[in-house]
Amino acid sequence: MDIVFLDSHAINPDGLSWDDFSALGSCTFYDRTPPDQVVGRIGNAQAVIINKTILTEEIFRACPSLSYVGILATGYNVVDVAAAAKHGVTVTNVPSYSTSAVAQHVFAFIGEFASSVAVHNDSVHAGDWCANPDFCYWKKPLIELDGKTLGIYGFGNIGRRVARIAAAYGMNVLCTTRSARTCGGITFVPQETLFTESDFLSLHAPLTDQTAELIRAETLAQMKRGAYLINTARGGLVREADVREALESGRLAGYAADVVSEEPMKKDNPLLHAPNCIITPHIAWAPRETRQRLIRIAAENLAAFINGTPVNTVR
């Protein structure tokens, strides 16, 4: 089988093993593929592996040999899956590969808000401790997480893992989800209660018509004044200009995001120079161990397809 990787650099810029794929066929790797070169690079290949390269009906029509698309991600909005089905192309994704990594990133954000590690490290290296007459000092108020309330919007695999970590810190955990749930140690509440009672609110919902701009002026006004908002899910869950206003007014004490509405981030994004705002460049999913797991599961998806028993298919 001929296997073409159209944007392998996004997943593997640092030498992770592709051996699981190489065992399945002849692999051709492209770091990135401009839209006008997608058809030419797929050519007569039977399988194409992508991360963010967009595949439209025109591409499926122009590549009749193509029978399989493997997405190196959980989200699959980059592929016109209806068109793929129409042209007999199986599409798979990789769910749940990054649960631990993303939950870890959530608590890296929460820990930074609580302990201000970066602020104090910078202060010490600037010589402030050497010049201080006392044995300690702090530049910002510090927060003990024990007894604080963490609100979780969405209770999939990542939301559940975040709840487990929060419990280990002694936090009270509230959750809002589309369907009624029961889970030990977690109180399920309506959305408004989640917003009004949470000291920290972490978003773990997919981006849908119902959740787009969930966080906007009206819902920010419901939040406890001085609360912290964490978004490792999708940038489109928040109206970024409204979040900036909430930060400037003090309604929000802090906002931390691993995602923004347009990626790469634009220079005019209202959050770029917002106060008390931490932004990382969509890296929560990206520890080496996590990416190697992603590659392994994606190769298992292709192997299952070759064996006539496809798994993790999307429609």
C-alpha atoms as a PDB file:
ATOM      1  CA  MET A   1       0.000   0.000   0.000  1.00  0.00           C
ATOM      2  CA  ASP A   2       1.213   3.504  -0.851  1.00  0.00           C
ATOM      3  CA  ILE A   3       0.793   5.834   2.143  1.00  0.00           C
ATOM      4  CA  VAL A   4       1.225   9.608   1.812  1.00  0.00           C
ATOM      5  CA  PHE A   5       1.673  11.945   4.795  1.00  0.00           C
ATOM      6  CA  LEU A   6       0.686  15.470   3.778  1.00  0.00           C
ATOM      7  CA  ASP A   7       1.680  17.417   6.910  1.00  0.00           C
ATOM      8  CA  SER A   8       3.870  15.179   9.043  1.00  0.00           C
ATOM      9  CA  HIS A   9       5.842  18.068  10.576  1.00  0.00           C
ATOM     10  CA  ALA A  10       2.828  19.146  12.647  1.00  0.00           C
ATOM     11  CA  ILE A  11       2.933  15.869  14.562  1.00  0.00           C
ATOM     12  CA  ASN A  12       6.563  14.891  14.374  1.00  0.00           C
ATOM     13  CA  PRO A  13       9.129  17.683  14.012  1.00  0.00           C
ATOM     14  CA  ASP A  14      11.574  15.987  16.366  1.00  0.00           C
ATOM     15  CA  GLY A  15      12.294  12.465  15.221  1.00  0.00           C
ATOM     16  CA  LEU A  16       9.596  10.223  16.666  1.00  0.00           C
ATOM     17  CA  SER A  17       9.369   6.782  15.096  1.00  0.00           C
ATOM     18  CA  TRP A  18       7.113   6.171  12.092  1.00  0.00           C
ATOM     19  CA  ASP A  19       7.993   2.456  12.101  1.00  0.00           C
ATOM     20  CA  ASP A  20       4.419   1.388  12.883  1.00  0.00           C
ATOM     21  CA  PHE A  21       3.354   2.906   9.557  1.00  0.00           C
ATOM     22  CA  SER A  22       6.411   1.779   7.616  1.00  0.00           C
ATOM     23  CA  ALA A  23       5.483  -1.814   8.436  1.00  0.00           C
ATOM     24  CA  LEU A  24       2.192  -1.333   6.582  1.00  0.00           C
ATOM     25  CA  GLY A  25       3.378   0.008   3.240  1.00  0.00           C
ATOM     26  CA  SER A  26       5.533   2.434   1.300  1.00  0.00           C
ATOM     27  CA  CYS A  27       5.469   5.815   3.075  1.00  0.00           C
ATOM     28  CA  THR A  28       6.071   9.239   1.540  1.00  0.00           C
ATOM     29  CA  PHE A  29       6.383  12.168   3.943  1.00  0.00           C
ATOM     30  CA  TYR A  30       5.756  15.859   3.319  1.00  0.00           C
ATOM     31  CA  ASP A  31       6.290  18.349   6.138  1.00  0.00           C
ATOM     32  CA  ARG A  32       3.500  20.609   4.859  1.00  0.00           C
ATOM     33  CA  THR A  33       1.347  20.635   1.739  1.00  0.00           C
ATOM     34  CA  PRO A  34      -0.128  23.793   0.175  1.00  0.00           C
ATOM     35  CA  PRO A  35      -3.751  23.384  -0.995  1.00  0.00           C
ATOM     36  CA  ASP A  36      -2.792  23.503  -4.672  1.00  0.00           C
ATOM     37  CA  GLN A  37      -0.411  20.549  -4.239  1.00  0.00           C
ATOM     38  CA  VAL A  38      -2.692  18.161  -2.332  1.00  0.00           C
ATOM     39  CA  VAL A  39      -4.029  16.290  -5.363  1.00  0.00           C
ATOM     40  CA  GLY A  40      -0.618  15.958  -6.987  1.00  0.00           C
ATOM     41  CA  ARG A  41       0.985  14.619  -3.845  1.00  0.00           C
ATOM     42  CA  ILE A  42      -1.773  12.096  -3.178  1.00  0.00           C
ATOM     43  CA  GLY A  43      -1.519  10.882  -6.766  1.00  0.00           C
ATOM     44  CA  ASN A  44      -2.365   7.171  -6.938  1.00  0.00           C
ATOM     45  CA  ALA A  45      -1.842   6.492  -3.241  1.00  0.00           C
ATOM     46  CA  GLN A  46      -4.404   4.322  -1.487  1.00  0.00           C
ATOM     47  CA  ALA A  47      -3.979   5.939   1.940  1.00  0.00           C
ATOM     48  CA  VAL A  48      -3.365   9.504   3.046  1.00  0.00           C
ATOM     49  CA  ILE A  49      -2.473  10.567   6.587  1.00  0.00           C
ATOM     50  CA  ILE A  50      -3.165  14.147   7.682  1.00  0.00           C
ATOM     51  CA  ASN A  51      -3.380  16.403  10.687  1.00  0.00           C
ATOM     52  CA  LYS A  52      -4.691  19.779   9.508  1.00  0.00           C
ATOM     53  CA  THR A  53      -4.634  19.486   5.706  1.00  0.00           C
ATOM     54  CA  ILE A  54      -8.143  20.097   4.362  1.00  0.00           C
ATOM     55  CA  LEU A  55      -9.655  17.384   2.162  1.00  0.00           C
ATOM     56  CA  THR A  56     -12.691  18.406   0.087  1.00  0.00           C
ATOM     57  CA  GLU A  57     -14.976  16.608  -2.333  1.00  0.00           C
ATOM     58  CA  GLU A  58     -12.938  17.992  -5.227  1.00  0.00           C
ATOM     59  CA  ILE A  59      -9.892  16.207  -3.857  1.00  0.00           C
ATOM     60  CA  PHE A  60     -11.715  12.894  -3.450  1.00  0.00           C
ATOM     61  CA  ARG A  61     -13.050  13.213  -6.984  1.00  0.00           C
ATOM     62  CA  ALA A  62      -9.570  13.860  -8.342  1.00  0.00           C
ATOM     63  CA  CYS A  63      -7.965  10.940  -6.455  1.00  0.00           C
ATOM     64  CA  PRO A  64      -9.915   7.798  -7.408  1.00  0.00           C
ATOM     65  CA  SER A  65      -7.265   5.435  -6.012  1.00  0.00           C
ATOM     66  CA  LEU A  66      -7.699   6.851  -2.521  1.00  0.00           C
ATOM     67  CA  SER A  67      -9.577   4.520  -0.176  1.00  0.00           C
ATOM     68  CA  TYR A  68      -8.440   5.621   3.286  1.00  0.00           C
ATOM     69  CA  VAL A  69      -7.859   8.846   5.203  1.00  0.00           C
ATOM     70  CA  GLY A  70      -6.267   8.652   8.634  1.00  0.00           C
ATOM     71  CA  ILE A  71      -6.488  11.796  10.739  1.00  0.00           C
ATOM     72  CA  LEU A  72      -3.697  12.251  13.266  1.00  0.00           C
ATOM     73  CA  ALA A  73      -6.061  13.997  15.676  1.00  0.00           C
ATOM     74  CA  THR A  74      -9.377  13.571  17.441  1.00  0.00           C
ATOM     75  CA  GLY A  75     -11.189  16.366  15.601  1.00  0.00           C
ATOM     76  CA  TYR A  76     -12.084  15.638  11.986  1.00  0.00           C
ATOM     77  CA  ASN A  77     -13.633  18.857  10.700  1.00  0.00           C
ATOM     78  CA  VAL A  78     -10.779  19.212   8.183  1.00  0.00           C
ATOM     79  CA  VAL A  79     -12.288  16.373   6.125  1.00  0.00           C
ATOM     80  CA  ASP A  80     -15.575  16.490   4.231  1.00  0.00           C
ATOM     81  CA  VAL A  81     -16.638  13.127   5.642  1.00  0.00           C
ATOM     82  CA  ALA A  82     -19.883  13.041   3.652  1.00  0.00           C
ATOM     83  CA  ALA A  83     -17.924  13.459   0.431  1.00  0.00           C
ATOM     84  CA  ALA A  84     -15.446  10.818   1.570  1.00  0.00           C
ATOM     85  CA  ALA A  85     -18.280   8.340   2.116  1.00  0.00           C
ATOM     86  CA  LYS A  86     -19.754   9.222  -1.273  1.00  0.00           C
ATOM     87  CA  HIS A  87     -16.448   8.312  -2.918  1.00  0.00           C
ATOM     88  CA  GLY A  88     -15.989   5.146  -0.871  1.00  0.00           C
ATOM     89  CA  VAL A  89     -13.199   6.514   1.320  1.00  0.00           C
ATOM     90  CA  THR A  90     -12.973   5.372   4.931  1.00  0.00           C
ATOM     91  CA  VAL A  91     -11.996   8.115   7.405  1.00  0.00           C
ATOM     92  CA  THR A  92     -10.627   7.432  10.891  1.00  0.00           C
ATOM     93  CA  ASN A  93      -9.531   9.580  13.812  1.00  0.00           C
ATOM     94  CA  VAL A  94      -7.693   8.973  17.094  1.00  0.00           C
ATOM     95  CA  PRO A  95      -9.884   9.577  20.136  1.00  0.00           C
ATOM     96  CA  SER A  96      -8.653   9.845  23.726  1.00  0.00           C
ATOM     97  CA  TYR A  97      -4.914   9.704  23.021  1.00  0.00           C
ATOM     98  CA  SER A  98      -4.181  12.983  24.848  1.00  0.00           C
ATOM     99  CA  THR A  99      -6.383  12.713  27.949  1.00  0.00           C
ATOM    100  CA  SER A 100      -3.528  12.664  30.454  1.00  0.00           C
ATOM    101  CA  ALA A 101      -1.501  15.350  28.702  1.00  0.00           C
ATOM    102  CA  VAL A 102      -4.347  17.852  28.394  1.00  0.00           C
ATOM    103  CA  ALA A 103      -5.468  17.326  31.994  1.00  0.00           C
ATOM    104  CA  GLN A 104      -1.849  17.879  33.059  1.00  0.00           C
ATOM    105  CA  HIS A 105      -1.809  21.151  31.105  1.00  0.00           C
ATOM    106  CA  VAL A 106      -5.007  22.311  32.802  1.00  0.00           C
ATOM    107  CA  PHE A 107      -3.315  21.961  36.160  1.00  0.00           C
ATOM    108  CA  ALA A 108      -0.152  23.630  34.902  1.00  0.00           C
ATOM    109  CA  PHE A 109      -2.383  26.649  34.249  1.00  0.00           C
ATOM    110  CA  ILE A 110      -4.198  26.356  37.575  1.00  0.00           C
ATOM    111  CA  GLY A 111      -0.915  25.912  39.414  1.00  0.00           C
ATOM    112  CA  GLU A 112       0.526  29.022  37.792  1.00  0.00           C
ATOM    113  CA  PHE A 113      -2.487  31.093  38.817  1.00  0.00           C
ATOM    114  CA  ALA A 114      -2.321  29.690  42.349  1.00  0.00           C
ATOM    115  CA  SER A 115       1.434  29.909  42.990  1.00  0.00           C
ATOM    116  CA  SER A 116       2.738  32.418  40.398  1.00  0.00           C
ATOM    117  CA  VAL A 117       5.862  30.318  39.874  1.00  0.00           C
ATOM    118  CA  ALA A 118       6.977  32.143  36.719  1.00  0.00           C
ATOM    119  CA  VAL A 119       6.511  35.588  38.278  1.00  0.00           C
ATOM    120  CA  HIS A 120       8.578  34.705  41.327  1.00  0.00           C
ATOM    121  CA  ASN A 121      11.251  32.892  39.349  1.00  0.00           C
ATOM    122  CA  ASP A 122      11.687  35.968  37.152  1.00  0.00           C
ATOM    123  CA  SER A 123      11.802  38.166  40.256  1.00  0.00           C
ATOM    124  CA  VAL A 124      14.501  36.064  41.924  1.00  0.00           C
ATOM    125  CA  HIS A 125      16.646  36.002  38.778  1.00  0.00           C
ATOM    126  CA  ALA A 126      16.242  39.776  38.524  1.00  0.00           C
ATOM    127  CA  GLY A 127      17.948  40.049  41.928  1.00  0.00           C
ATOM    128  CA  ASP A 128      14.894  40.913  44.029  1.00  0.00           C
ATOM    129  CA  TRP A 129      15.513  38.210  46.646  1.00  0.00           C
ATOM    130  CA  CYS A 130      19.141  39.199  47.037  1.00  0.00           C
ATOM    131  CA  ALA A 131      18.020  42.743  47.824  1.00  0.00           C
ATOM    132  CA  ASN A 132      15.161  41.761  50.134  1.00  0.00           C
ATOM    133  CA  PRO A 133      15.622  42.247  53.899  1.00  0.00           C
ATOM    134  CA  ASP A 134      13.307  39.332  54.743  1.00  0.00           C
ATOM    135  CA  PHE A 135      13.657  35.587  54.209  1.00  0.00           C
ATOM    136  CA  CYS A 136      10.716  35.576  51.788  1.00  0.00           C
ATOM    137  CA  TYR A 137       8.382  37.838  49.845  1.00  0.00           C
ATOM    138  CA  TRP A 138       5.612  37.474  47.288  1.00  0.00           C
ATOM    139  CA  LYS A 139       4.785  39.612  44.300  1.00  0.00           C
ATOM    140  CA  LYS A 140       1.171  38.474  43.976  1.00  0.00           C
ATOM    141  CA  PRO A 141      -1.379  36.899  46.340  1.00  0.00           C
ATOM    142  CA  LEU A 142      -0.938  33.121  46.539  1.00  0.00           C
ATOM    143  CA  ILE A 143      -3.870  30.712  46.527  1.00  0.00           C
ATOM    144  CA  GLU A 144      -4.323  27.383  48.312  1.00  0.00           C
ATOM    145  CA  LEU A 145      -6.334  25.039  46.083  1.00  0.00           C
ATOM    146  CA  ASP A 146      -7.606  22.860  48.929  1.00  0.00           C
ATOM    147  CA  GLY A 147     -11.256  23.778  49.478  1.00  0.00           C
ATOM    148  CA  LYS A 148     -11.586  25.838  46.297  1.00  0.00           C
ATOM    149  CA  THR A 149     -14.279  24.961  43.767  1.00  0.00           C
ATOM    150  CA  LEU A 150     -13.370  23.774  40.287  1.00  0.00           C
ATOM    151  CA  GLY A 151     -16.138  23.883  37.707  1.00  0.00           C
ATOM    152  CA  ILE A 152     -15.861  21.563  34.718  1.00  0.00           C
ATOM    153  CA  TYR A 153     -17.942  22.298  31.623  1.00  0.00           C
ATOM    154  CA  GLY A 154     -18.176  18.999  29.757  1.00  0.00           C
ATOM    155  CA  PHE A 155     -17.532  15.560  31.211  1.00  0.00           C
ATOM    156  CA  GLY A 156     -15.766  13.520  28.565  1.00  0.00           C
ATOM    157  CA  ASN A 157     -12.500  11.692  29.131  1.00  0.00           C
ATOM    158  CA  ILE A 158     -10.492  14.853  29.748  1.00  0.00           C
ATOM    159  CA  GLY A 159     -13.103  16.401  32.019  1.00  0.00           C
ATOM    160  CA  ARG A 160     -13.173  13.231  34.108  1.00  0.00           C
ATOM    161  CA  ARG A 161      -9.383  13.147  34.389  1.00  0.00           C
ATOM    162  CA  VAL A 162      -9.320  16.809  35.441  1.00  0.00           C
ATOM    163  CA  ALA A 163     -11.907  16.009  38.118  1.00  0.00           C
ATOM    164  CA  ARG A 164      -9.703  13.209  39.496  1.00  0.00           C
ATOM    165  CA  ILE A 165      -6.700  15.508  39.759  1.00  0.00           C
ATOM    166  CA  ALA A 166      -8.799  18.227  41.386  1.00  0.00           C
ATOM    167  CA  ALA A 167      -9.980  15.763  44.014  1.00  0.00           C
ATOM    168  CA  ALA A 168      -6.358  14.956  44.848  1.00  0.00           C
ATOM    169  CA  TYR A 169      -5.820  18.662  45.565  1.00  0.00           C
ATOM    170  CA  GLY A 170      -8.826  18.683  47.886  1.00  0.00           C
ATOM    171  CA  MET A 171     -10.914  20.820  45.565  1.00  0.00           C
ATOM    172  CA  ASN A 172     -14.690  20.699  45.385  1.00  0.00           C
ATOM    173  CA  VAL A 173     -15.728  19.653  41.877  1.00  0.00           C
ATOM    174  CA  LEU A 174     -18.849  20.834  40.069  1.00  0.00           C
ATOM    175  CA  CYS A 175     -19.770  19.748  36.570  1.00  0.00           C
ATOM    176  CA  THR A 176     -22.244  20.633  33.853  1.00  0.00           C
ATOM    177  CA  THR A 177     -22.816  18.181  31.030  1.00  0.00           C
ATOM    178  CA  ARG A 178     -25.453  17.609  28.359  1.00  0.00           C
ATOM    179  CA  SER A 179     -26.782  14.452  29.967  1.00  0.00           C
ATOM    180  CA  ALA A 180     -27.455  13.737  33.623  1.00  0.00           C
ATOM    181  CA  ARG A 181     -24.586  11.868  35.264  1.00  0.00           C
ATOM    182  CA  THR A 182     -23.611  10.468  38.607  1.00  0.00           C
ATOM    183  CA  CYS A 183     -19.986  10.147  39.654  1.00  0.00           C
ATOM    184  CA  GLY A 184     -18.573   9.869  43.133  1.00  0.00           C
ATOM    185  CA  GLY A 185     -17.206  13.101  44.537  1.00  0.00           C
ATOM    186  CA  ILE A 186     -18.629  15.283  41.753  1.00  0.00           C
ATOM    187  CA  THR A 187     -21.732  17.439  41.997  1.00  0.00           C
ATOM    188  CA  PHE A 188     -23.609  17.903  38.734  1.00  0.00           C
ATOM    189  CA  VAL A 189     -25.260  21.307  38.505  1.00  0.00           C
ATOM    190  CA  PRO A 190     -26.992  23.552  35.951  1.00  0.00           C
ATOM    191  CA  GLN A 191     -24.800  25.838  33.878  1.00  0.00           C
ATOM    192  CA  GLU A 192     -25.666  28.998  35.795  1.00  0.00           C
ATOM    193  CA  THR A 193     -24.758  27.358  39.113  1.00  0.00           C
ATOM    194  CA  LEU A 194     -21.466  26.201  37.632  1.00  0.00           C
ATOM    195  CA  PHE A 195     -20.634  29.759  36.631  1.00  0.00           C
ATOM    196  CA  THR A 196     -21.713  31.439  39.863  1.00  0.00           C
ATOM    197  CA  GLU A 197     -19.978  29.020  42.265  1.00  0.00           C
ATOM    198  CA  SER A 198     -16.684  28.126  40.571  1.00  0.00           C
ATOM    199  CA  ASP A 199     -13.384  29.649  41.676  1.00  0.00           C
ATOM    200  CA  PHE A 200     -11.798  28.036  38.619  1.00  0.00           C
ATOM    201  CA  LEU A 201     -13.819  27.101  35.520  1.00  0.00           C
ATOM    202  CA  SER A 202     -12.303  24.684  32.992  1.00  0.00           C
ATOM    203  CA  LEU A 203     -13.861  24.175  29.551  1.00  0.00           C
ATOM    204  CA  HIS A 204     -13.979  20.660  28.092  1.00  0.00           C
ATOM    205  CA  ALA A 205     -16.754  20.808  25.498  1.00  0.00           C
ATOM    206  CA  PRO A 206     -16.577  20.338  21.734  1.00  0.00           C
ATOM    207  CA  LEU A 207     -17.226  23.340  19.502  1.00  0.00           C
ATOM    208  CA  THR A 208     -20.787  23.071  18.192  1.00  0.00           C
ATOM    209  CA  ASP A 209     -23.562  25.471  17.256  1.00  0.00           C
ATOM    210  CA  GLN A 210     -24.731  25.193  20.872  1.00  0.00           C
ATOM    211  CA  THR A 211     -21.345  25.870  22.488  1.00  0.00           C
ATOM    212  CA  ALA A 212     -19.928  28.506  20.117  1.00  0.00           C
ATOM    213  CA  GLU A 213     -19.103  31.626  22.161  1.00  0.00           C
ATOM    214  CA  LEU A 214     -20.466  29.963  25.281  1.00  0.00           C
ATOM    215  CA  ILE A 215     -18.248  32.360  27.201  1.00  0.00           C
ATOM    216  CA  ARG A 216     -19.365  35.897  26.363  1.00  0.00           C
ATOM    217  CA  ALA A 217     -20.356  39.037  28.246  1.00  0.00           C
ATOM    218  CA  GLU A 218     -23.642  37.564  29.499  1.00  0.00           C
ATOM    219  CA  THR A 219     -22.114  34.378  30.896  1.00  0.00           C
ATOM    220  CA  LEU A 220     -19.009  36.127  32.194  1.00  0.00           C
ATOM    221  CA  ALA A 221     -21.340  38.364  34.210  1.00  0.00           C
ATOM    222  CA  GLN A 222     -22.689  35.220  35.909  1.00  0.00           C
ATOM    223  CA  MET A 223     -19.242  34.136  37.073  1.00  0.00           C
ATOM    224  CA  LYS A 224     -17.949  34.745  40.561  1.00  0.00           C
ATOM    225  CA  ARG A 225     -15.964  37.969  40.549  1.00  0.00           C
ATOM    226  CA  GLY A 226     -12.268  37.144  40.656  1.00  0.00           C
ATOM    227  CA  ALA A 227     -12.674  33.639  39.220  1.00  0.00           C
ATOM    228  CA  TYR A 228     -10.210  32.056  36.795  1.00  0.00           C
ATOM    229  CA  LEU A 229     -11.137  30.619  33.394  1.00  0.00           C
ATOM    230  CA  ILE A 230      -9.214  27.803  31.669  1.00  0.00           C
ATOM    231  CA  ASN A 231      -9.699  26.795  28.024  1.00  0.00           C
ATOM    232  CA  THR A 232      -7.846  23.804  26.593  1.00  0.00           C
ATOM    233  CA  ALA A 233     -10.774  22.757  24.398  1.00  0.00           C
ATOM    234  CA  ARG A 234     -11.561  25.047  21.446  1.00  0.00           C
ATOM    235  CA  GLY A 235     -10.879  28.732  20.921  1.00  0.00           C
ATOM    236  CA  GLY A 236     -14.359  29.289  19.520  1.00  0.00           C
ATOM    237  CA  LEU A 237     -15.938  28.483  22.890  1.00  0.00           C
ATOM    238  CA  VAL A 238     -15.133  32.026  24.012  1.00  0.00           C
ATOM    239  CA  ARG A 239     -15.769  35.483  22.614  1.00  0.00           C
ATOM    240  CA  GLU A 240     -12.240  36.722  23.033  1.00  0.00           C
ATOM    241  CA  ALA A 241     -13.004  40.449  23.094  1.00  0.00           C
ATOM    242  CA  ASP A 242     -15.449  39.883  25.960  1.00  0.00           C
ATOM    243  CA  VAL A 243     -12.859  37.866  27.881  1.00  0.00           C
ATOM    244  CA  ARG A 244     -10.371  40.701  27.518  1.00  0.00           C
ATOM    245  CA  GLU A 245     -12.938  43.177  28.862  1.00  0.00           C
ATOM    246  CA  ALA A 246     -13.614  40.870  31.821  1.00  0.00           C
ATOM    247  CA  LEU A 247      -9.883  40.703  32.556  1.00  0.00           C
ATOM    248  CA  GLU A 248      -9.489  44.459  32.322  1.00  0.00           C
ATOM    249  CA  SER A 249     -12.452  45.075  34.633  1.00  0.00           C
ATOM    250  CA  GLY A 250     -11.377  42.468  37.193  1.00  0.00           C
ATOM    251  CA  ARG A 251     -14.470  40.331  36.641  1.00  0.00           C
ATOM    252  CA  LEU A 252     -11.998  37.585  35.714  1.00  0.00           C
ATOM    253  CA  ALA A 253      -8.831  37.313  37.775  1.00  0.00           C
ATOM    254  CA  GLY A 254      -7.157  35.356  35.005  1.00  0.00           C
ATOM    255  CA  TYR A 255      -7.657  33.517  31.730  1.00  0.00           C
ATOM    256  CA  ALA A 256      -5.450  30.686  30.496  1.00  0.00           C
ATOM    257  CA  ALA A 257      -5.828  29.162  27.055  1.00  0.00           C
ATOM    258  CA  ASP A 258      -4.036  26.650  24.888  1.00  0.00           C
ATOM    259  CA  VAL A 259      -6.363  27.491  21.983  1.00  0.00           C
ATOM    260  CA  VAL A 260      -7.571  30.650  20.252  1.00  0.00           C
ATOM    261  CA  SER A 261     -10.240  31.386  17.667  1.00  0.00           C
ATOM    262  CA  GLU A 262      -7.775  31.488  14.752  1.00  0.00           C
ATOM    263  CA  GLU A 263      -4.566  29.490  14.753  1.00  0.00           C
ATOM    264  CA  PRO A 264      -1.807  30.488  14.320  1.00  0.00           C
ATOM    265  CA  MET A 265      -2.754  33.432  16.534  1.00  0.00           C
ATOM    266  CA  LYS A 266      -3.327  36.722  14.707  1.00  0.00           C
ATOM    267  CA  LYS A 267      -1.543  39.910  15.729  1.00  0.00           C
ATOM    268  CA  ASP A 268      -4.884  41.633  16.326  1.00  0.00           C
ATOM    269  CA  ASN A 269      -6.254  38.947  18.651  1.00  0.00           C
ATOM    270  CA  PRO A 270      -7.698  40.858  21.636  1.00  0.00           C
ATOM    271  CA  LEU A 271      -6.090  38.426  24.082  1.00  0.00           C
ATOM    272  CA  LEU A 272      -2.524  38.962  22.904  1.00  0.00           C
ATOM    273  CA  HIS A 273      -1.945  41.917  25.225  1.00  0.00           C
ATOM    274  CA  ALA A 274      -4.711  41.270  27.763  1.00  0.00           C
ATOM    275  CA  PRO A 275      -3.784  41.464  31.460  1.00  0.00           C
ATOM    276  CA  ASN A 276      -3.496  38.301  33.576  1.00  0.00           C
ATOM    277  CA  CYS A 277      -3.758  36.157  30.463  1.00  0.00           C
ATOM    278  CA  ILE A 278      -1.641  33.046  29.866  1.00  0.00           C
ATOM    279  CA  ILE A 279      -1.591  31.610  26.344  1.00  0.00           C
ATOM    280  CA  THR A 280       0.330  28.585  25.107  1.00  0.00           C
ATOM    281  CA  PRO A 281       0.531  27.703  21.382  1.00  0.00           C
ATOM    282  CA  HIS A 282      -1.801  24.666  21.278  1.00  0.00           C
ATOM    283  CA  ILE A 283       0.696  22.349  22.976  1.00  0.00           C
ATOM    284  CA  ALA A 284      -1.393  20.582  25.618  1.00  0.00           C
ATOM    285  CA  TRP A 285      -1.583  17.475  23.408  1.00  0.00           C
ATOM    286  CA  ALA A 286       2.094  17.515  22.434  1.00  0.00           C
ATOM    287  CA  PRO A 287       4.353  15.688  24.946  1.00  0.00           C
ATOM    288  CA  ARG A 288       6.581  13.203  23.117  1.00  0.00           C
ATOM    289  CA  GLU A 289       4.902  10.248  24.790  1.00  0.00           C
ATOM    290  CA  THR A 290       1.483  11.520  23.754  1.00  0.00           C
ATOM    291  CA  ARG A 291       2.462  12.070  20.129  1.00  0.00           C
ATOM    292  CA  GLN A 292       4.094   8.647  19.884  1.00  0.00           C
ATOM    293  CA  ARG A 293       0.871   7.154  21.220  1.00  0.00           C
ATOM    294  CA  LEU A 294      -1.051   9.111  18.587  1.00  0.00           C
ATOM    295  CA  ILE A 295       1.144   7.698  15.820  1.00  0.00           C
ATOM    296  CA  ARG A 296       0.804   4.161  17.179  1.00  0.00           C
ATOM    297  CA  ILE A 297      -2.994   4.293  17.392  1.00  0.00           C
ATOM    298  CA  ALA A 298      -3.259   5.885  13.940  1.00  0.00           C
ATOM    299  CA  ALA A 299      -1.149   3.051  12.520  1.00  0.00           C
ATOM    300  CA  GLU A 300      -3.373   0.531  14.294  1.00  0.00           C
ATOM    301  CA  ASN A 301      -6.357   2.204  12.626  1.00  0.00           C
ATOM    302  CA  LEU A 302      -4.778   1.723   9.201  1.00  0.00           C
ATOM    303  CA  ALA A 303      -3.824  -1.878   9.989  1.00  0.00           C
ATOM    304  CA  ALA A 304      -7.407  -2.619  10.999  1.00  0.00           C
ATOM    305  CA  PHE A 305      -8.648  -1.107   7.729  1.00  0.00           C
ATOM    306  CA  ILE A 306      -6.217  -3.221   5.714  1.00  0.00           C
ATOM    307  CA  ASN A 307      -7.476  -6.309   7.567  1.00  0.00           C
ATOM    308  CA  GLY A 308     -11.079  -5.450   6.716  1.00  0.00           C
ATOM    309  CA  THR A 309     -12.095  -4.538  10.277  1.00  0.00           C
ATOM    310  CA  PRO A 310     -11.917  -0.728  10.408  1.00  0.00           C
ATOM    311  CA  VAL A 311     -12.020   0.974  13.808  1.00  0.00           C
ATOM    312  CA  ASN A 312     -12.386   4.592  14.960  1.00  0.00           C
ATOM    313  CA  THR A 313     -14.247   5.491  11.783  1.00  0.00           C
ATOM    314  CA  VAL A 314     -15.995   8.859  11.508  1.00  0.00           C
ATOM    315  CA  ARG A 315     -18.980   9.797   9.382  1.00  0.00           C
END
